[in-house]
Amino acid sequence: MMHRRAFLVLLLATAMFPRLALSADLSNPLKLMFVADAEENLIDVIDLDSREVIARIETKFPVDDLVATPFAPVLVYTNIEQKLVSLYDLREQRLAMEVRLPIVPRHMVLDTSGSKIGFSDSVDGGFVLFSAYGGSIIFELEDFPPSRDVLFDPNEIEIFYSNSATGSVGMIDTNLRKTLEMKVADIPGQILSAPSRSLDGRYVYVANEDTGEVYSLNAFSKTVNRSFKIGNAPARPYTTPDGAFLYMMDKDSGRFMSVEQNRFEQYVDTQIGAGIDLVTVGRFDRLSLFMSTEKQNYYLFDNISRTVVESGIFEHTPLDSLGSVDGRTAFVAFRDSPAVAFIDLESNEIEYVEATINGAGALAVGLSNNVCH
């Protein structure tokens, strides 16, 4: 009788608190989205199929950035003030490891294999190559210049970065653990964007925010092979998932220029809308969603008709955007709204999923069609 009574109590508890009794499966990052709160010490986990929050991860400190490794159940997040990197085991749903870095991790980038992370600091400088699986520092460069997001080459040997102080694009040789810099700007001290690259790694692109130019650097010959004058405030260049086009945008004028990457022939040169600096591209490089981290307008651009086919205004200001692996959906997080927008790029339908308390501070998915950043 005592055993039966205990069984009945267990059944009752399961019925009343199903989330506590049966925790969600977080072991496959490819099916998940992670949204860090802008103020609170928490990360909400969204199931990409059901489009609902299925778990909330409590953290020791506010989360400044995060990445999820696509092929292992590991979530990595940082706190700038503490110089702290935390590794969270998604299968066991527990904090597995904490590592304090010798630099401030203002910028973090996951490599193309999903196994290594590059940390850089755009204020004080320094670089750390970090094992996302082992939770250990592979090597560090103490005399590394202040730099934004680094860029991993698909060969996993070279890592590119921008050095505004010298007006150069640099390259870290991870085998030799040495750097080589290639001058692109005429005047040292001009502000350079973080680099982007072509899908095959042949070309590296960087914007000069002072002159309004975008430079194309041949990664093999280490020379500038082309430059484009875009406007007064160029955004970071973007390359499309299928590898066909290089996108260049001017935030001041809203100018959008697209060139074909092999022959660098101009495909589109038009005005879309002021402030554009975010883009998510759909299947077959057909439809592109342009947004702004400063304004609430969005524009859906058709690469076949070469026109804006839909436009609208979000209720809040985007923080970041990512694309689904199949290119059908854009995910947009907002800095001032506790919700994430799921936007169907083909039907232009928008669904908002409630997540976080105060709005997003960082956004990640297990795998995205956003490439070459």
Protein backbone atom coordinates (compact mmCIF):
# COMPACT_ATOMS: atom_id res chain seq x y z
CA MET A 1 0.00 0.00 0.00
CA MET A 2 2.85 2.40 0.81
CA HIS A 3 4.45 1.77 -2.58
CA ARG A 4 1.14 2.36 -4.36
CA ARG A 5 0.59 5.63 -2.50
CA ALA A 6 4.05 6.85 -3.49
CA PHE A 7 3.36 5.94 -7.12
CA LEU A 8 0.10 7.92 -7.07
CA VAL A 9 1.88 10.97 -5.65
CA LEU A 10 4.51 10.72 -8.40
CA LEU A 11 1.83 10.57 -11.07
CA LEU A 12 0.09 13.58 -9.56
CA ALA A 13 3.31 15.56 -9.47
CA THR A 14 4.01 14.68 -13.09
CA ALA A 15 0.57 15.88 -14.13
CA MET A 16 0.81 19.14 -12.19
CA PHE A 17 4.43 20.04 -13.11
CA PRO A 18 5.27 18.34 -16.40
CA ARG A 19 8.26 20.63 -17.14
CA LEU A 20 9.88 19.77 -13.83
CA ALA A 21 9.28 16.07 -14.09
CA LEU A 22 10.35 15.68 -17.71
CA SER A 23 13.03 18.18 -18.76
CA ALA A 24 13.30 19.11 -22.43
CA ASP A 25 15.87 17.38 -24.63
CA LEU A 26 18.58 19.92 -25.50
CA SER A 27 21.11 17.46 -26.89
CA ASN A 28 20.76 18.49 -30.56
CA PRO A 29 21.79 22.14 -31.09
CA LEU A 30 20.74 21.95 -34.76
CA LYS A 31 17.12 22.08 -33.62
CA LEU A 32 17.56 24.91 -31.13
CA MET A 33 17.88 28.66 -30.80
CA PHE A 34 19.53 30.40 -27.84
CA VAL A 35 18.58 33.93 -26.77
CA ALA A 36 20.45 35.64 -23.93
CA ASP A 37 18.59 38.27 -21.94
CA ALA A 38 19.92 41.82 -22.28
CA GLU A 39 19.94 42.39 -18.49
CA GLU A 40 19.10 39.26 -16.52
CA ASN A 41 21.41 36.28 -15.96
CA LEU A 42 19.54 33.85 -18.22
CA ILE A 43 19.40 32.22 -21.64
CA ASP A 44 16.11 31.04 -23.15
CA VAL A 45 16.18 27.98 -25.41
CA ILE A 46 13.67 27.85 -28.29
CA ASP A 47 12.72 24.71 -30.18
CA LEU A 48 12.89 25.64 -33.88
CA ASP A 49 10.15 23.17 -34.81
CA SER A 50 7.55 23.94 -32.14
CA ARG A 51 8.64 27.60 -31.92
CA GLU A 52 8.36 27.83 -28.17
CA VAL A 53 10.71 28.25 -25.24
CA ILE A 54 11.45 24.79 -23.89
CA ALA A 55 14.12 25.62 -21.31
CA ARG A 56 15.64 28.52 -19.40
CA ILE A 57 19.34 28.38 -18.46
CA GLU A 58 20.36 30.45 -15.45
CA THR A 59 23.87 31.93 -15.63
CA LYS A 60 26.16 33.38 -12.96
CA PHE A 61 26.70 36.64 -14.84
CA PRO A 62 25.02 38.53 -17.68
CA VAL A 63 25.77 36.98 -21.07
CA ASP A 64 27.51 39.25 -23.57
CA ASP A 65 27.80 36.76 -26.44
CA LEU A 66 27.19 33.08 -27.12
CA VAL A 67 27.67 30.33 -29.71
CA ALA A 68 26.36 26.78 -29.96
CA THR A 69 28.57 24.10 -31.49
CA PRO A 70 26.53 22.44 -34.26
CA PHE A 71 27.90 18.91 -33.94
CA ALA A 72 28.21 18.57 -30.18
CA PRO A 73 25.84 19.51 -27.33
CA VAL A 74 27.93 22.46 -26.12
CA LEU A 75 26.81 26.04 -25.52
CA VAL A 76 29.58 28.59 -25.00
CA TYR A 77 28.89 32.04 -23.57
CA THR A 78 30.96 34.95 -22.30
CA ASN A 79 30.99 37.75 -19.76
CA ILE A 80 33.21 40.68 -20.69
CA GLU A 81 33.59 42.16 -17.21
CA GLN A 82 34.80 38.88 -15.72
CA LYS A 83 36.84 37.86 -18.82
CA LEU A 84 34.92 34.62 -18.41
CA VAL A 85 34.08 31.85 -20.87
CA SER A 86 31.47 29.33 -19.72
CA LEU A 87 30.85 25.92 -21.33
CA TYR A 88 27.38 24.49 -20.78
CA ASP A 89 26.68 20.78 -21.37
CA LEU A 90 23.32 20.74 -23.19
CA ARG A 91 22.87 16.97 -22.87
CA GLU A 92 23.35 16.96 -19.09
CA GLN A 93 21.96 20.51 -18.75
CA ARG A 94 24.67 21.70 -16.40
CA LEU A 95 27.58 24.12 -16.35
CA ALA A 96 30.56 21.98 -17.33
CA MET A 97 33.47 24.41 -17.16
CA GLU A 98 34.51 28.03 -16.62
CA VAL A 99 37.70 29.55 -18.05
CA ARG A 100 39.08 33.03 -17.39
CA LEU A 101 40.85 34.42 -20.41
CA PRO A 102 44.00 36.58 -20.48
CA ILE A 103 42.12 39.06 -22.70
CA VAL A 104 38.67 40.67 -22.66
CA PRO A 105 36.40 38.55 -24.91
CA ARG A 106 34.54 41.43 -26.59
CA HIS A 107 34.26 39.43 -29.82
CA MET A 108 33.84 35.69 -30.35
CA VAL A 109 33.65 33.74 -33.61
CA LEU A 110 33.10 30.02 -34.09
CA ASP A 111 35.25 28.42 -36.82
CA THR A 112 33.91 26.56 -39.85
CA SER A 113 34.31 23.14 -38.18
CA GLY A 114 32.42 24.23 -35.05
CA SER A 115 35.25 23.12 -32.80
CA LYS A 116 37.35 26.26 -32.23
CA ILE A 117 36.56 29.84 -31.19
CA GLY A 118 38.52 32.99 -31.90
CA PHE A 119 38.37 35.68 -29.20
CA SER A 120 39.51 39.24 -29.89
CA ASP A 121 39.29 42.63 -28.19
CA SER A 122 38.62 45.78 -30.23
CA VAL A 123 39.65 48.06 -27.35
CA ASP A 124 42.80 46.70 -25.72
CA GLY A 125 43.86 44.08 -28.26
CA GLY A 126 44.89 40.46 -27.80
CA PHE A 127 43.78 37.20 -29.42
CA VAL A 128 42.97 33.75 -28.07
CA LEU A 129 42.26 30.59 -30.06
CA PHE A 130 40.08 28.39 -27.88
CA SER A 131 38.91 24.77 -28.03
CA ALA A 132 35.11 24.73 -27.86
CA TYR A 133 35.10 21.03 -26.98
CA GLY A 134 38.03 20.85 -24.58
CA GLY A 135 37.46 24.21 -22.92
CA SER A 136 41.15 25.07 -23.17
CA ILE A 137 43.30 27.78 -24.71
CA ILE A 138 45.07 26.48 -27.82
CA PHE A 139 47.30 29.56 -28.03
CA GLU A 140 47.23 33.30 -27.37
CA LEU A 141 48.82 36.33 -29.03
CA GLU A 142 49.47 39.03 -26.44
CA ASP A 143 50.73 41.69 -28.87
CA PHE A 144 47.74 41.29 -31.18
CA PRO A 145 46.21 44.65 -32.25
CA PRO A 146 42.70 45.83 -31.29
CA SER A 147 40.38 44.06 -33.73
CA ARG A 148 36.72 43.25 -34.25
CA ASP A 149 35.40 39.79 -35.21
CA VAL A 150 38.07 37.60 -36.77
CA LEU A 151 37.35 35.53 -39.87
CA PHE A 152 38.20 31.83 -40.24
CA ASP A 153 39.34 30.56 -43.62
CA PRO A 154 37.76 27.24 -44.72
CA ASN A 155 41.19 25.59 -44.62
CA GLU A 156 41.15 26.15 -40.80
CA ILE A 157 44.76 27.31 -40.90
CA GLU A 158 44.43 31.01 -41.67
CA ILE A 159 42.46 33.49 -39.59
CA PHE A 160 41.90 36.99 -40.99
CA TYR A 161 41.41 40.20 -39.02
CA SER A 162 41.32 43.96 -39.58
CA ASN A 163 43.85 46.36 -38.04
CA SER A 164 42.58 49.93 -38.26
CA ALA A 165 45.74 51.34 -36.63
CA THR A 166 47.87 50.28 -39.60
CA GLY A 167 45.12 50.29 -42.24
CA SER A 168 45.68 46.60 -42.89
CA VAL A 169 44.01 43.26 -43.19
CA GLY A 170 45.98 40.74 -41.18
CA MET A 171 46.30 36.98 -41.26
CA ILE A 172 47.13 34.62 -38.42
CA ASP A 173 48.94 31.45 -39.45
CA THR A 174 47.71 29.00 -36.82
CA ASN A 175 50.51 26.54 -37.57
CA LEU A 176 53.28 29.09 -37.08
CA ARG A 177 51.25 31.21 -34.64
CA LYS A 178 52.49 34.34 -36.38
CA THR A 179 50.77 37.22 -38.16
CA LEU A 180 51.17 38.79 -41.58
CA GLU A 181 49.54 42.09 -42.51
CA MET A 182 48.51 43.44 -45.93
CA LYS A 183 47.89 47.17 -46.27
CA VAL A 184 44.54 48.15 -47.81
CA ALA A 185 43.86 51.72 -46.62
CA ASP A 186 45.84 54.73 -47.88
CA ILE A 187 46.00 56.34 -44.44
CA PRO A 188 46.67 54.43 -41.19
CA GLY A 189 44.07 54.96 -38.48
CA GLN A 190 41.04 54.79 -40.76
CA ILE A 191 38.33 52.57 -39.26
CA LEU A 192 38.00 49.18 -40.95
CA SER A 193 35.07 46.80 -40.57
CA ALA A 194 35.49 43.19 -39.59
CA PRO A 195 36.43 41.12 -42.66
CA SER A 196 34.18 38.81 -44.69
CA ARG A 197 35.14 36.32 -47.38
CA SER A 198 33.97 34.49 -50.47
CA LEU A 199 32.60 31.00 -49.96
CA ASP A 200 35.73 29.38 -51.37
CA GLY A 201 38.05 31.60 -49.32
CA ARG A 202 39.67 33.13 -52.40
CA TYR A 203 38.69 36.71 -51.61
CA VAL A 204 38.53 38.66 -48.34
CA TYR A 205 36.41 41.81 -48.10
CA VAL A 206 36.62 44.72 -45.68
CA ALA A 207 34.91 48.13 -45.56
CA ASN A 208 36.67 51.42 -44.83
CA GLU A 209 34.18 53.32 -42.68
CA ASP A 210 36.04 56.64 -43.18
CA THR A 211 36.33 56.65 -46.97
CA GLY A 212 33.21 54.61 -47.80
CA GLU A 213 35.16 52.04 -49.82
CA VAL A 214 34.97 48.25 -49.79
CA TYR A 215 38.22 46.46 -50.62
CA SER A 216 38.48 43.04 -52.23
CA LEU A 217 41.69 41.31 -51.23
CA ASN A 218 42.97 38.24 -53.08
CA ALA A 219 43.77 35.84 -50.23
CA PHE A 220 46.31 33.95 -52.36
CA SER A 221 48.32 36.83 -53.81
CA LYS A 222 47.75 39.02 -50.73
CA THR A 223 46.96 42.06 -52.90
CA VAL A 224 43.91 44.31 -53.33
CA ASN A 225 42.38 43.31 -56.65
CA ARG A 226 39.33 45.60 -56.59
CA SER A 227 37.72 48.40 -54.58
CA PHE A 228 34.18 49.81 -54.60
CA LYS A 229 33.03 53.24 -53.47
CA ILE A 230 29.74 52.59 -51.67
CA GLY A 231 28.92 55.73 -49.68
CA ASN A 232 29.67 57.55 -46.44
CA ALA A 233 28.87 54.77 -43.96
CA PRO A 234 29.45 51.31 -45.42
CA ALA A 235 28.25 48.30 -43.45
CA ARG A 236 30.29 45.14 -43.15
CA PRO A 237 30.28 43.34 -46.53
CA TYR A 238 28.22 40.17 -46.80
CA THR A 239 28.46 37.17 -49.11
CA THR A 240 25.41 35.11 -49.99
CA PRO A 241 24.95 31.46 -48.89
CA ASP A 242 25.19 29.98 -52.39
CA GLY A 243 28.38 31.96 -52.97
CA ALA A 244 27.16 33.92 -56.00
CA PHE A 245 27.12 37.51 -54.78
CA LEU A 246 28.97 40.06 -52.69
CA TYR A 247 26.55 42.45 -50.96
CA MET A 248 27.62 46.00 -50.07
CA MET A 249 25.41 48.48 -48.19
CA ASP A 250 25.65 52.14 -47.21
CA LYS A 251 23.84 52.95 -43.97
CA ASP A 252 23.51 56.69 -44.69
CA SER A 253 21.91 56.57 -48.11
CA GLY A 254 20.43 53.07 -48.06
CA ARG A 255 22.35 52.19 -51.20
CA PHE A 256 22.67 48.49 -52.00
CA MET A 257 25.19 47.16 -54.50
CA SER A 258 25.53 43.51 -55.46
CA VAL A 259 28.36 42.14 -57.59
CA GLU A 260 29.01 38.68 -58.95
CA GLN A 261 32.07 37.31 -57.15
CA ASN A 262 33.96 35.57 -59.95
CA ARG A 263 34.19 38.40 -62.50
CA PHE A 264 33.13 41.17 -60.09
CA GLU A 265 30.49 42.36 -62.53
CA GLN A 266 27.80 44.62 -61.07
CA TYR A 267 24.44 42.92 -60.74
CA VAL A 268 22.40 45.44 -58.72
CA ASP A 269 22.92 49.07 -57.72
CA THR A 270 19.83 50.56 -56.11
CA GLN A 271 18.42 52.38 -53.08
CA ILE A 272 16.66 50.24 -50.46
CA GLY A 273 16.40 52.22 -47.22
CA ALA A 274 18.54 54.25 -44.86
CA GLY A 275 20.14 52.41 -41.96
CA ILE A 276 20.40 48.95 -43.54
CA ASP A 277 23.25 46.95 -42.01
CA LEU A 278 21.70 43.50 -41.46
CA VAL A 279 20.78 40.99 -44.15
CA THR A 280 19.49 37.43 -44.23
CA VAL A 281 19.38 35.65 -47.60
CA GLY A 282 16.90 32.95 -48.54
CA ARG A 283 17.09 29.82 -50.68
CA PHE A 284 19.08 29.92 -53.93
CA ASP A 285 20.12 33.51 -53.15
CA ARG A 286 16.65 34.54 -54.38
CA LEU A 287 15.10 36.67 -51.61
CA SER A 288 17.02 38.88 -49.17
CA LEU A 289 15.68 40.48 -46.01
CA PHE A 290 17.37 43.81 -45.23
CA MET A 291 17.10 45.37 -41.76
CA SER A 292 18.77 47.94 -39.53
CA THR A 293 20.21 47.83 -36.01
CA GLU A 294 19.25 51.52 -35.69
CA LYS A 295 15.79 51.67 -37.31
CA GLN A 296 12.69 49.49 -37.34
CA ASN A 297 12.17 49.27 -41.12
CA TYR A 298 12.66 46.06 -43.07
CA TYR A 299 12.71 45.33 -46.79
CA LEU A 300 12.34 42.08 -48.74
CA PHE A 301 14.38 42.23 -51.94
CA ASP A 302 13.91 39.91 -54.94
CA ASN A 303 17.17 39.14 -56.76
CA ILE A 304 15.34 38.10 -59.93
CA SER A 305 13.21 41.20 -60.41
CA ARG A 306 15.89 43.29 -58.64
CA THR A 307 13.26 45.19 -56.68
CA VAL A 308 11.89 45.47 -53.15
CA VAL A 309 8.76 43.29 -53.18
CA GLU A 310 7.68 43.79 -49.56
CA SER A 311 8.49 46.27 -46.81
CA GLY A 312 7.27 47.02 -43.32
CA ILE A 313 8.10 48.32 -39.87
CA PHE A 314 8.90 46.20 -36.84
CA GLU A 315 7.52 47.36 -33.51
CA HIS A 316 11.04 47.19 -32.08
CA THR A 317 14.67 47.61 -33.16
CA PRO A 318 16.58 44.52 -34.35
CA LEU A 319 19.70 43.40 -32.52
CA ASP A 320 20.76 40.61 -34.86
CA SER A 321 19.42 38.25 -37.50
CA LEU A 322 20.21 34.71 -38.65
CA GLY A 323 18.89 32.44 -41.38
CA SER A 324 17.64 28.88 -41.07
CA VAL A 325 19.74 26.14 -42.64
CA ASP A 326 17.22 25.62 -45.47
CA GLY A 327 17.05 29.35 -46.16
CA ARG A 328 13.28 29.54 -45.74
CA THR A 329 13.17 31.47 -42.47
CA ALA A 330 14.87 34.51 -40.99
CA PHE A 331 15.24 34.80 -37.22
CA VAL A 332 15.31 38.35 -35.86
CA ALA A 333 16.04 39.19 -32.21
CA PHE A 334 15.20 42.61 -30.77
CA ARG A 335 17.24 44.56 -28.24
CA ASP A 336 14.16 46.15 -26.63
CA SER A 337 11.51 43.44 -26.91
CA PRO A 338 11.22 40.02 -25.21
CA ALA A 339 10.41 38.25 -28.48
CA VAL A 340 12.07 36.73 -31.54
CA ALA A 341 10.53 37.09 -35.01
CA PHE A 342 10.33 34.04 -37.29
CA ILE A 343 9.92 35.45 -40.80
CA ASP A 344 8.97 33.22 -43.74
CA LEU A 345 11.05 34.69 -46.56
CA GLU A 346 8.78 33.28 -49.26
CA SER A 347 5.33 34.16 -47.87
CA ASN A 348 6.51 37.17 -45.78
CA GLU A 349 4.53 35.86 -42.80
CA ILE A 350 5.87 36.90 -39.39
CA GLU A 351 5.41 34.95 -36.16
CA TYR A 352 6.67 36.31 -32.84
CA VAL A 353 7.92 33.91 -30.17
CA GLU A 354 8.12 35.26 -26.63
CA ALA A 355 11.57 34.83 -25.12
CA THR A 356 13.69 36.53 -22.42
CA ILE A 357 12.41 39.17 -20.00
CA ASN A 358 13.98 42.41 -21.16
CA GLY A 359 14.89 41.77 -24.79
CA ALA A 360 17.86 40.06 -26.40
CA GLY A 361 21.51 40.67 -25.64
CA ALA A 362 22.79 37.89 -27.91
CA LEU A 363 21.37 35.36 -30.38
CA ALA A 364 22.63 32.01 -31.66
CA VAL A 365 21.36 28.88 -33.42
CA GLY A 366 23.03 25.51 -33.79
CA LEU A 367 23.53 26.08 -37.52
CA SER A 368 22.63 28.96 -39.83
CA ASN A 369 22.85 29.66 -43.55
CA ASN A 370 24.60 32.94 -42.69
CA VAL A 371 28.07 32.42 -44.11
CA CYS A 372 31.51 33.96 -44.32
CA HIS A 373 31.28 36.24 -41.33
